[in-house]
N, C-alpha and C. Protein backbone atom coordinates (compact mmCIF):
# COMPACT_ATOMS: atom_id res chain seq x y z
N MET A 1 4.22 15.28 -9.98
CA MET A 1 4.87 14.22 -10.31
C MET A 1 5.98 12.98 -9.75
N VAL A 2 5.63 11.84 -10.20
CA VAL A 2 6.74 10.96 -9.95
C VAL A 2 7.47 11.33 -9.93
N GLU A 3 8.51 10.09 -8.53
CA GLU A 3 9.96 10.31 -8.94
C GLU A 3 10.01 8.52 -9.27
N LYS A 4 10.55 8.12 -8.82
CA LYS A 4 11.01 6.77 -9.53
C LYS A 4 12.04 6.00 -8.34
N ASP A 5 11.93 5.13 -7.76
CA ASP A 5 12.87 4.92 -6.82
C ASP A 5 14.06 4.40 -7.48
N ASP A 6 14.70 5.06 -7.10
CA ASP A 6 16.03 5.02 -7.65
C ASP A 6 17.12 2.92 -7.79
N ASP A 7 16.63 3.13 -6.06
CA ASP A 7 17.08 1.68 -6.08
C ASP A 7 15.96 0.41 -6.36
N ALA A 8 14.43 0.91 -6.96
CA ALA A 8 13.68 -0.15 -7.60
C ALA A 8 13.72 -0.96 -9.43
N LEU A 9 13.59 -2.25 -9.39
CA LEU A 9 13.70 -2.64 -10.37
C LEU A 9 12.50 -3.46 -10.85
N ASN A 10 11.93 -2.24 -11.98
CA ASN A 10 10.65 -3.54 -12.19
C ASN A 10 10.26 -3.52 -13.77
N GLY A 11 10.44 -5.14 -13.84
CA GLY A 11 10.04 -5.69 -14.26
C GLY A 11 11.63 -6.64 -15.35
N MET A 12 11.65 -8.08 -15.57
CA MET A 12 12.76 -9.21 -15.60
C MET A 12 13.61 -7.99 -16.52
N SER A 13 12.96 -7.39 -17.29
CA SER A 13 14.13 -6.99 -18.50
C SER A 13 15.84 -5.74 -17.65
N GLU A 14 14.18 -4.81 -16.98
CA GLU A 14 15.44 -4.64 -16.23
C GLU A 14 16.27 -5.46 -15.33
N ILE A 15 15.42 -6.17 -13.99
CA ILE A 15 16.69 -7.05 -13.30
C ILE A 15 17.77 -7.60 -14.51
N CYS A 16 17.26 -7.57 -15.67
CA CYS A 16 18.43 -7.99 -16.47
C CYS A 16 19.07 -7.85 -16.35
N LEU A 17 18.27 -6.78 -17.02
CA LEU A 17 20.14 -5.43 -18.13
C LEU A 17 21.03 -5.35 -16.01
N PHE A 18 20.18 -4.94 -15.53
CA PHE A 18 20.57 -4.35 -13.59
C PHE A 18 22.34 -5.52 -13.70
N VAL A 19 21.91 -6.55 -13.65
CA VAL A 19 22.85 -7.87 -13.29
C VAL A 19 23.79 -8.33 -14.74
N GLY A 20 23.41 -8.14 -15.69
CA GLY A 20 24.17 -8.95 -16.84
C GLY A 20 24.14 -10.40 -17.14
N PHE A 21 22.67 -11.18 -16.48
CA PHE A 21 21.90 -12.31 -16.86
C PHE A 21 21.40 -12.66 -17.61
N SER A 22 21.27 -13.16 -18.74
CA SER A 22 19.77 -13.53 -19.17
C SER A 22 17.99 -14.17 -18.28
N ALA A 23 17.16 -13.27 -18.96
CA ALA A 23 15.69 -13.78 -17.58
C ALA A 23 16.17 -15.93 -17.33
N PRO A 24 15.98 -16.44 -17.83
CA PRO A 24 16.45 -18.15 -17.57
C PRO A 24 17.00 -17.91 -15.94
N THR A 25 17.97 -17.40 -16.64
CA THR A 25 18.87 -17.81 -15.91
C THR A 25 18.36 -17.27 -14.38
N ILE A 26 18.39 -15.89 -14.01
CA ILE A 26 17.94 -14.70 -13.09
C ILE A 26 16.46 -16.00 -12.14
N LEU A 27 15.79 -16.58 -13.63
CA LEU A 27 15.11 -17.79 -12.71
C LEU A 27 14.71 -18.40 -11.94
N SER A 28 16.68 -19.42 -12.35
CA SER A 28 16.86 -20.75 -11.48
C SER A 28 17.73 -19.85 -10.46
N TRP A 29 18.46 -18.47 -10.94
CA TRP A 29 18.84 -18.47 -8.88
C TRP A 29 17.61 -18.34 -8.36
N ILE A 30 16.43 -17.58 -8.93
CA ILE A 30 15.14 -17.19 -7.57
C ILE A 30 15.05 -18.42 -7.78
N ARG A 31 14.65 -19.38 -8.40
CA ARG A 31 14.27 -20.77 -7.46
C ARG A 31 15.22 -21.45 -6.83
N THR A 32 16.33 -21.68 -6.76
CA THR A 32 17.53 -22.36 -6.07
C THR A 32 18.56 -21.87 -5.16
N MET A 33 18.54 -20.55 -5.65
CA MET A 33 19.51 -20.05 -4.64
C MET A 33 19.48 -18.23 -3.59
N GLY A 34 17.95 -18.73 -3.93
CA GLY A 34 17.28 -17.52 -2.98
C GLY A 34 17.80 -15.96 -4.15
N PHE A 35 17.80 -15.32 -4.86
CA PHE A 35 17.94 -14.62 -6.04
C PHE A 35 16.92 -12.76 -5.21
N PRO A 36 17.47 -12.44 -5.08
CA PRO A 36 16.08 -10.70 -4.21
C PRO A 36 15.16 -10.67 -4.97
N ALA A 37 14.12 -11.67 -6.19
CA ALA A 37 13.09 -10.70 -6.95
C ALA A 37 11.71 -11.33 -6.51
N LYS A 38 11.28 -10.47 -6.84
CA LYS A 38 9.84 -11.22 -5.91
C LYS A 38 8.22 -11.14 -7.94
N GLN A 39 7.68 -12.15 -8.20
CA GLN A 39 6.75 -11.52 -9.15
C GLN A 39 5.79 -11.19 -8.39
N MET A 40 4.88 -10.54 -8.48
CA MET A 40 3.68 -9.80 -8.10
C MET A 40 2.36 -10.36 -7.94
N LYS A 41 2.28 -11.67 -8.46
CA LYS A 41 1.28 -11.92 -9.16
C LYS A 41 1.36 -13.22 -10.01
N ARG A 42 1.28 -14.23 -9.75
CA ARG A 42 1.51 -15.33 -11.32
C ARG A 42 1.17 -14.59 -11.82
N GLY A 43 2.03 -14.57 -13.24
CA GLY A 43 1.99 -14.32 -14.52
C GLY A 43 2.10 -13.06 -14.94
N CYS A 44 2.51 -12.42 -13.57
CA CYS A 44 2.92 -10.55 -13.54
C CYS A 44 3.62 -10.21 -13.53
N SER A 45 4.93 -8.51 -13.67
CA SER A 45 5.74 -8.69 -13.78
C SER A 45 6.35 -8.66 -12.08
N TRP A 46 7.99 -8.80 -12.71
CA TRP A 46 8.34 -8.69 -11.66
C TRP A 46 9.03 -7.91 -10.86
N VAL A 47 9.25 -7.44 -9.77
CA VAL A 47 10.01 -6.44 -8.91
C VAL A 47 11.36 -6.72 -8.23
N ALA A 48 12.28 -5.64 -7.58
CA ALA A 48 13.65 -6.31 -6.95
C ALA A 48 13.67 -4.81 -6.63
N SER A 49 15.20 -5.38 -5.67
CA SER A 49 15.35 -3.97 -5.08
C SER A 49 16.95 -4.19 -5.79
N LYS A 50 17.84 -2.65 -6.22
CA LYS A 50 19.36 -2.85 -6.45
C LYS A 50 19.89 -3.52 -5.59
N ARG A 51 19.77 -2.61 -4.54
CA ARG A 51 20.24 -3.24 -2.63
C ARG A 51 20.77 -4.11 -2.29
N ALA A 52 19.14 -4.75 -2.74
CA ALA A 52 19.05 -6.90 -2.17
C ALA A 52 20.29 -7.33 -3.73
N ILE A 53 19.99 -6.63 -3.93
CA ILE A 53 20.18 -7.79 -5.62
C ILE A 53 22.38 -7.38 -5.69
N ARG A 54 23.36 -6.80 -4.71
CA ARG A 54 23.62 -6.29 -4.81
C ARG A 54 24.70 -6.63 -3.57
N ALA A 55 23.71 -7.18 -1.81
CA ALA A 55 23.72 -8.22 -0.96
C ALA A 55 24.49 -9.23 -1.53
N TRP A 56 22.87 -9.72 -2.15
CA TRP A 56 23.87 -11.23 -2.35
C TRP A 56 24.23 -11.24 -4.14
N ARG A 57 24.55 -11.02 -4.64
CA ARG A 57 26.24 -10.85 -5.01
C ARG A 57 26.93 -10.81 -3.71
N ALA A 58 27.32 -9.67 -3.71
CA ALA A 58 28.13 -10.75 -1.83
C ALA A 58 28.58 -11.00 -1.29
N ARG A 59 27.36 -12.28 -1.18
CA ARG A 59 27.22 -12.98 -0.74
C ARG A 59 27.57 -14.95 -0.73
N THR A 60 27.17 -14.98 -2.04
CA THR A 60 26.93 -16.12 -3.02
C THR A 60 28.22 -15.37 -4.28
N GLY A 61 28.56 -14.17 -4.66
CA GLY A 61 29.86 -14.08 -5.42
C GLY A 61 29.12 -14.27 -7.19
N ASN A 62 28.04 -14.90 -6.52
CA ASN A 62 27.17 -13.78 -8.51
C ASN A 62 27.29 -12.90 -8.95
């Protein structure tokens, strides 16, 4: 049995749900404000860490 990492967010929908903002907002933040998410390959899914997002939000106030 594979356990899911509770810190990992897989896919833009999980990231949006966790942060409470839309995909266009998150993508804008990635480009302009250093939001901590990575795209696995161009055109593929996004991944992020809850811990990194919490730290980013504490630094930026978003």
